[in-house]
Structures are given as structure tokens and as C-alpha cells.
Amino acid sequence: MSQDDVSLASGVDRSYISEIENGKSAPTLDIIDRIAKALNVHPEEFFVFTVNEPKQPYEDI
């Protein structure tokens, strides 16, 4: 899905979506909700972070 597609589906300006993607703007919860609905995902999916455990402990390197 392109930024234009998300913009049309969410009603959020495409340039603002680009700023969010590039870390230049922080969206409000309302904007997050609108974008999530446009992408057909739950808003909390934008806040799920995973940490990959190293294969070898740092001290052993």
C-alpha cells in the first residue's frame, strides 16, 4: 500500500504520512487510529517492539 493509498483511506495528508515515516513528526493518537484503520491493523501494532537476543553473549566475544 502506498502513502497515497493510506492517505486516501485515512484522510491524513500524504506529506504528513511521509514525515511520520521518516521520524520528522509524531502523530497524535487520533492520527494513529486513522492510519491503523486504513491499514486494517490494531493501533497497538505500531507500538510492538521486539528485541532479538544475541546468539552469543557479548562478554564471550
PDB file of N, CA and C in Angstrom:
ATOM      1  N   MET A   1       0.849  -1.165   0.000  1.00  0.00           N
ATOM      2  CA  MET A   1       0.000   0.000   0.000  1.00  0.00           C
ATOM      3  C   MET A   1       0.902   1.238   0.000  1.00  0.00           C
ATOM      4  N   SER A   2       0.625   2.149  -0.886  1.00  0.00           N
ATOM      5  CA  SER A   2       1.448   3.355  -0.996  1.00  0.00           C
ATOM      6  C   SER A   2       1.006   4.422  -0.001  1.00  0.00           C
ATOM      7  N   GLN A   3       1.822   5.433   0.146  1.00  0.00           N
ATOM      8  CA  GLN A   3       1.451   6.553   1.007  1.00  0.00           C
ATOM      9  C   GLN A   3       0.179   7.215   0.493  1.00  0.00           C
ATOM     10  N   ASP A   4       0.035   7.305  -0.821  1.00  0.00           N
ATOM     11  CA  ASP A   4      -1.182   7.881  -1.396  1.00  0.00           C
ATOM     12  C   ASP A   4      -2.406   7.054  -1.019  1.00  0.00           C
ATOM     13  N   ASP A   5      -2.270   5.729  -1.077  1.00  0.00           N
ATOM     14  CA  ASP A   5      -3.383   4.845  -0.710  1.00  0.00           C
ATOM     15  C   ASP A   5      -3.766   5.034   0.756  1.00  0.00           C
ATOM     16  N   VAL A   6      -2.763   5.079   1.619  1.00  0.00           N
ATOM     17  CA  VAL A   6      -3.013   5.274   3.055  1.00  0.00           C
ATOM     18  C   VAL A   6      -3.631   6.649   3.289  1.00  0.00           C
ATOM     19  N   SER A   7      -3.139   7.641   2.591  1.00  0.00           N
ATOM     20  CA  SER A   7      -3.665   8.993   2.719  1.00  0.00           C
ATOM     21  C   SER A   7      -5.146   9.042   2.344  1.00  0.00           C
ATOM     22  N   LEU A   8      -5.483   8.455   1.226  1.00  0.00           N
ATOM     23  CA  LEU A   8      -6.882   8.452   0.786  1.00  0.00           C
ATOM     24  C   LEU A   8      -7.780   7.680   1.746  1.00  0.00           C
ATOM     25  N   ALA A   9      -7.306   6.545   2.228  1.00  0.00           N
ATOM     26  CA  ALA A   9      -8.115   5.707   3.110  1.00  0.00           C
ATOM     27  C   ALA A   9      -8.254   6.294   4.513  1.00  0.00           C
ATOM     28  N   SER A  10      -7.263   7.077   4.958  1.00  0.00           N
ATOM     29  CA  SER A  10      -7.274   7.585   6.333  1.00  0.00           C
ATOM     30  C   SER A  10      -7.690   9.048   6.438  1.00  0.00           C
ATOM     31  N   GLY A  11      -7.582   9.767   5.334  1.00  0.00           N
ATOM     32  CA  GLY A  11      -7.864  11.196   5.381  1.00  0.00           C
ATOM     33  C   GLY A  11      -6.707  12.007   5.945  1.00  0.00           C
ATOM     34  N   VAL A  12      -5.542  11.376   6.045  1.00  0.00           N
ATOM     35  CA  VAL A  12      -4.338  12.047   6.547  1.00  0.00           C
ATOM     36  C   VAL A  12      -3.504  12.458   5.336  1.00  0.00           C
ATOM     37  N   ASP A  13      -3.039  13.683   5.325  1.00  0.00           N
ATOM     38  CA  ASP A  13      -2.264  14.194   4.202  1.00  0.00           C
ATOM     39  C   ASP A  13      -1.040  13.312   3.937  1.00  0.00           C
ATOM     40  N   ARG A  14      -0.766  13.041   2.664  1.00  0.00           N
ATOM     41  CA  ARG A  14       0.335  12.168   2.286  1.00  0.00           C
ATOM     42  C   ARG A  14       1.671  12.701   2.784  1.00  0.00           C
ATOM     43  N   SER A  15       1.871  14.011   2.739  1.00  0.00           N
ATOM     44  CA  SER A  15       3.152  14.571   3.193  1.00  0.00           C
ATOM     45  C   SER A  15       3.328  14.370   4.700  1.00  0.00           C
ATOM     46  N   TYR A  16       2.225  14.394   5.455  1.00  0.00           N
ATOM     47  CA  TYR A  16       2.309  14.152   6.897  1.00  0.00           C
ATOM     48  C   TYR A  16       2.652  12.690   7.163  1.00  0.00           C
ATOM     49  N   ILE A  17       2.090  11.785   6.370  1.00  0.00           N
ATOM     50  CA  ILE A  17       2.431  10.362   6.498  1.00  0.00           C
ATOM     51  C   ILE A  17       3.920  10.167   6.235  1.00  0.00           C
ATOM     52  N   SER A  18       4.435  10.848   5.242  1.00  0.00           N
ATOM     53  CA  SER A  18       5.870  10.767   4.941  1.00  0.00           C
ATOM     54  C   SER A  18       6.705  11.277   6.113  1.00  0.00           C
ATOM     55  N   GLU A  19       6.282  12.385   6.724  1.00  0.00           N
ATOM     56  CA  GLU A  19       7.002  12.923   7.881  1.00  0.00           C
ATOM     57  C   GLU A  19       6.994  11.941   9.050  1.00  0.00           C
ATOM     58  N   ILE A  20       5.870  11.267   9.254  1.00  0.00           N
ATOM     59  CA  ILE A  20       5.777  10.268  10.322  1.00  0.00           C
ATOM     60  C   ILE A  20       6.729   9.115  10.035  1.00  0.00           C
ATOM     61  N   GLU A  21       6.696   8.624   8.799  1.00  0.00           N
ATOM     62  CA  GLU A  21       7.567   7.507   8.397  1.00  0.00           C
ATOM     63  C   GLU A  21       9.031   7.838   8.603  1.00  0.00           C
ATOM     64  N   ASN A  22       9.396   9.078   8.351  1.00  0.00           N
ATOM     65  CA  ASN A  22      10.802   9.483   8.421  1.00  0.00           C
ATOM     66  C   ASN A  22      11.199  10.036   9.785  1.00  0.00           C
ATOM     67  N   GLY A  23      10.303   9.942  10.758  1.00  0.00           N
ATOM     68  CA  GLY A  23      10.613  10.379  12.106  1.00  0.00           C
ATOM     69  C   GLY A  23      10.671  11.883  12.280  1.00  0.00           C
ATOM     70  N   LYS A  24      10.099  12.625  11.352  1.00  0.00           N
ATOM     71  CA  LYS A  24      10.127  14.087  11.439  1.00  0.00           C
ATOM     72  C   LYS A  24       8.919  14.649  12.165  1.00  0.00           C
ATOM     73  N   SER A  25       7.864  13.840  12.315  1.00  0.00           N
ATOM     74  CA  SER A  25       6.657  14.250  13.031  1.00  0.00           C
ATOM     75  C   SER A  25       6.179  13.098  13.893  1.00  0.00           C
ATOM     76  N   ALA A  26       5.548  13.449  14.998  1.00  0.00           N
ATOM     77  CA  ALA A  26       4.964  12.449  15.892  1.00  0.00           C
ATOM     78  C   ALA A  26       3.439  12.565  15.791  1.00  0.00           C
ATOM     79  N   PRO A  27       2.771  11.514  15.359  1.00  0.00           N
ATOM     80  CA  PRO A  27       1.314  11.596  15.180  1.00  0.00           C
ATOM     81  C   PRO A  27       0.572  11.569  16.512  1.00  0.00           C
ATOM     82  N   THR A  28      -0.605  12.166  16.518  1.00  0.00           N
ATOM     83  CA  THR A  28      -1.482  12.082  17.678  1.00  0.00           C
ATOM     84  C   THR A  28      -2.126  10.695  17.694  1.00  0.00           C
ATOM     85  N   LEU A  29      -2.760  10.360  18.810  1.00  0.00           N
ATOM     86  CA  LEU A  29      -3.445   9.065  18.887  1.00  0.00           C
ATOM     87  C   LEU A  29      -4.564   8.972  17.860  1.00  0.00           C
ATOM     88  N   ASP A  30      -5.222  10.091  17.577  1.00  0.00           N
ATOM     89  CA  ASP A  30      -6.272  10.098  16.559  1.00  0.00           C
ATOM     90  C   ASP A  30      -5.710   9.736  15.189  1.00  0.00           C
ATOM     91  N   ILE A  31      -4.584  10.312  14.847  1.00  0.00           N
ATOM     92  CA  ILE A  31      -3.955  10.024  13.545  1.00  0.00           C
ATOM     93  C   ILE A  31      -3.500   8.569  13.494  1.00  0.00           C
ATOM     94  N   ILE A  32      -2.927   8.079  14.579  1.00  0.00           N
ATOM     95  CA  ILE A  32      -2.507   6.676  14.636  1.00  0.00           C
ATOM     96  C   ILE A  32      -3.709   5.771  14.404  1.00  0.00           C
ATOM     97  N   ASP A  33      -4.825   6.087  15.044  1.00  0.00           N
ATOM     98  CA  ASP A  33      -6.044   5.291  14.884  1.00  0.00           C
ATOM     99  C   ASP A  33      -6.541   5.318  13.443  1.00  0.00           C
ATOM    100  N   ARG A  34      -6.516   6.477  12.827  1.00  0.00           N
ATOM    101  CA  ARG A  34      -6.980   6.597  11.435  1.00  0.00           C
ATOM    102  C   ARG A  34      -6.084   5.814  10.475  1.00  0.00           C
ATOM    103  N   ILE A  35      -4.782   5.892  10.679  1.00  0.00           N
ATOM    104  CA  ILE A  35      -3.846   5.153   9.822  1.00  0.00           C
ATOM    105  C   ILE A  35      -3.996   3.649  10.049  1.00  0.00           C
ATOM    106  N   ALA A  36      -4.151   3.251  11.310  1.00  0.00           N
ATOM    107  CA  ALA A  36      -4.335   1.827  11.617  1.00  0.00           C
ATOM    108  C   ALA A  36      -5.582   1.278  10.934  1.00  0.00           C
ATOM    109  N   LYS A  37      -6.671   2.021  10.992  1.00  0.00           N
ATOM    110  CA  LYS A  37      -7.906   1.583  10.321  1.00  0.00           C
ATOM    111  C   LYS A  37      -7.696   1.464   8.811  1.00  0.00           C
ATOM    112  N   ALA A  38      -6.966   2.417   8.237  1.00  0.00           N
ATOM    113  CA  ALA A  38      -6.691   2.373   6.798  1.00  0.00           C
ATOM    114  C   ALA A  38      -5.864   1.144   6.430  1.00  0.00           C
ATOM    115  N   LEU A  39      -4.971   0.723   7.347  1.00  0.00           N
ATOM    116  CA  LEU A  39      -4.113  -0.438   7.104  1.00  0.00           C
ATOM    117  C   LEU A  39      -4.739  -1.739   7.595  1.00  0.00           C
ATOM    118  N   ASN A  40      -5.927  -1.619   8.228  1.00  0.00           N
ATOM    119  CA  ASN A  40      -6.640  -2.778   8.761  1.00  0.00           C
ATOM    120  C   ASN A  40      -5.824  -3.523   9.811  1.00  0.00           C
ATOM    121  N   VAL A  41      -5.221  -2.756  10.719  1.00  0.00           N
ATOM    122  CA  VAL A  41      -4.464  -3.320  11.844  1.00  0.00           C
ATOM    123  C   VAL A  41      -4.918  -2.624  13.127  1.00  0.00           C
ATOM    124  N   HIS A  42      -4.608  -3.202  14.268  1.00  0.00           N
ATOM    125  CA  HIS A  42      -4.892  -2.574  15.545  1.00  0.00           C
ATOM    126  C   HIS A  42      -3.830  -1.517  15.816  1.00  0.00           C
ATOM    127  N   PRO A  43      -4.200  -0.368  16.371  1.00  0.00           N
ATOM    128  CA  PRO A  43      -3.220   0.693  16.626  1.00  0.00           C
ATOM    129  C   PRO A  43      -2.038   0.244  17.473  1.00  0.00           C
ATOM    130  N   GLU A  44      -2.263  -0.679  18.408  1.00  0.00           N
ATOM    131  CA  GLU A  44      -1.154  -1.110  19.269  1.00  0.00           C
ATOM    132  C   GLU A  44      -0.044  -1.818  18.493  1.00  0.00           C
ATOM    133  N   GLU A  45      -0.341  -2.271  17.284  1.00  0.00           N
ATOM    134  CA  GLU A  45       0.701  -2.919  16.474  1.00  0.00           C
ATOM    135  C   GLU A  45       1.825  -1.950  16.107  1.00  0.00           C
ATOM    136  N   PHE A  46       1.540  -0.659  16.158  1.00  0.00           N
ATOM    137  CA  PHE A  46       2.575   0.328  15.884  1.00  0.00           C
ATOM    138  C   PHE A  46       3.547   0.461  17.055  1.00  0.00           C
ATOM    139  N   PHE A  47       3.176  -0.102  18.209  1.00  0.00           N
ATOM    140  CA  PHE A  47       3.976   0.055  19.412  1.00  0.00           C
ATOM    141  C   PHE A  47       4.595  -1.252  19.892  1.00  0.00           C
ATOM    142  N   VAL A  48       4.545  -2.284  19.089  1.00  0.00           N
ATOM    143  CA  VAL A  48       5.110  -3.576  19.467  1.00  0.00           C
ATOM    144  C   VAL A  48       6.563  -3.595  19.021  1.00  0.00           C
ATOM    145  N   PHE A  49       7.431  -3.722  19.993  1.00  0.00           N
ATOM    146  CA  PHE A  49       8.857  -3.770  19.693  1.00  0.00           C
ATOM    147  C   PHE A  49       9.395  -5.106  20.187  1.00  0.00           C
ATOM    148  N   THR A  50      10.223  -5.716  19.385  1.00  0.00           N
ATOM    149  CA  THR A  50      10.841  -6.963  19.802  1.00  0.00           C
ATOM    150  C   THR A  50      12.342  -6.758  19.862  1.00  0.00           C
ATOM    151  N   VAL A  51      12.939  -7.473  20.750  1.00  0.00           N
ATOM    152  CA  VAL A  51      14.396  -7.423  20.896  1.00  0.00           C
ATOM    153  C   VAL A  51      14.916  -8.815  20.595  1.00  0.00           C
ATOM    154  N   ASN A  52      15.792  -8.883  19.633  1.00  0.00           N
ATOM    155  CA  ASN A  52      16.404 -10.161  19.304  1.00  0.00           C
ATOM    156  C   ASN A  52      17.551 -10.407  20.258  1.00  0.00           C
ATOM    157  N   GLU A  53      17.526 -11.544  20.894  1.00  0.00           N
ATOM    158  CA  GLU A  53      18.604 -11.906  21.800  1.00  0.00           C
ATOM    159  C   GLU A  53      19.841 -12.263  20.979  1.00  0.00           C
ATOM    160  N   PRO A  54      21.002 -11.822  21.426  1.00  0.00           N
ATOM    161  CA  PRO A  54      22.217 -12.188  20.694  1.00  0.00           C
ATOM    162  C   PRO A  54      22.437 -13.694  20.757  1.00  0.00           C
ATOM    163  N   LYS A  55      23.010 -14.217  19.701  1.00  0.00           N
ATOM    164  CA  LYS A  55      23.278 -15.659  19.652  1.00  0.00           C
ATOM    165  C   LYS A  55      24.389 -16.052  20.622  1.00  0.00           C
ATOM    166  N   GLN A  56      25.281 -15.124  20.871  1.00  0.00           N
ATOM    167  CA  GLN A  56      26.401 -15.358  21.769  1.00  0.00           C
ATOM    168  C   GLN A  56      26.482 -14.178  22.733  1.00  0.00           C
ATOM    169  N   PRO A  57      26.615 -14.424  24.021  1.00  0.00           N
ATOM    170  CA  PRO A  57      26.716 -13.304  24.962  1.00  0.00           C
ATOM    171  C   PRO A  57      27.862 -12.384  24.596  1.00  0.00           C
ATOM    172  N   TYR A  58      27.641 -11.094  24.793  1.00  0.00           N
ATOM    173  CA  TYR A  58      28.633 -10.089  24.443  1.00  0.00           C
ATOM    174  C   TYR A  58      29.968 -10.330  25.127  1.00  0.00           C
ATOM    175  N   GLU A  59      29.938 -10.778  26.388  1.00  0.00           N
ATOM    176  CA  GLU A  59      31.168 -10.988  27.137  1.00  0.00           C
ATOM    177  C   GLU A  59      32.051 -12.063  26.500  1.00  0.00           C
ATOM    178  N   ASP A  60      31.461 -12.989  25.765  1.00  0.00           N
ATOM    179  CA  ASP A  60      32.211 -14.098  25.162  1.00  0.00           C
ATOM    180  C   ASP A  60      32.866 -13.721  23.838  1.00  0.00           C
ATOM    181  N   ILE A  61      32.593 -12.542  23.356  1.00  0.00           N
ATOM    182  CA  ILE A  61      33.125 -12.142  22.032  1.00  0.00           C
ATOM    183  C   ILE A  61      34.513 -11.570  22.199  1.00  0.00           C
TER     184      ILE A  61
END
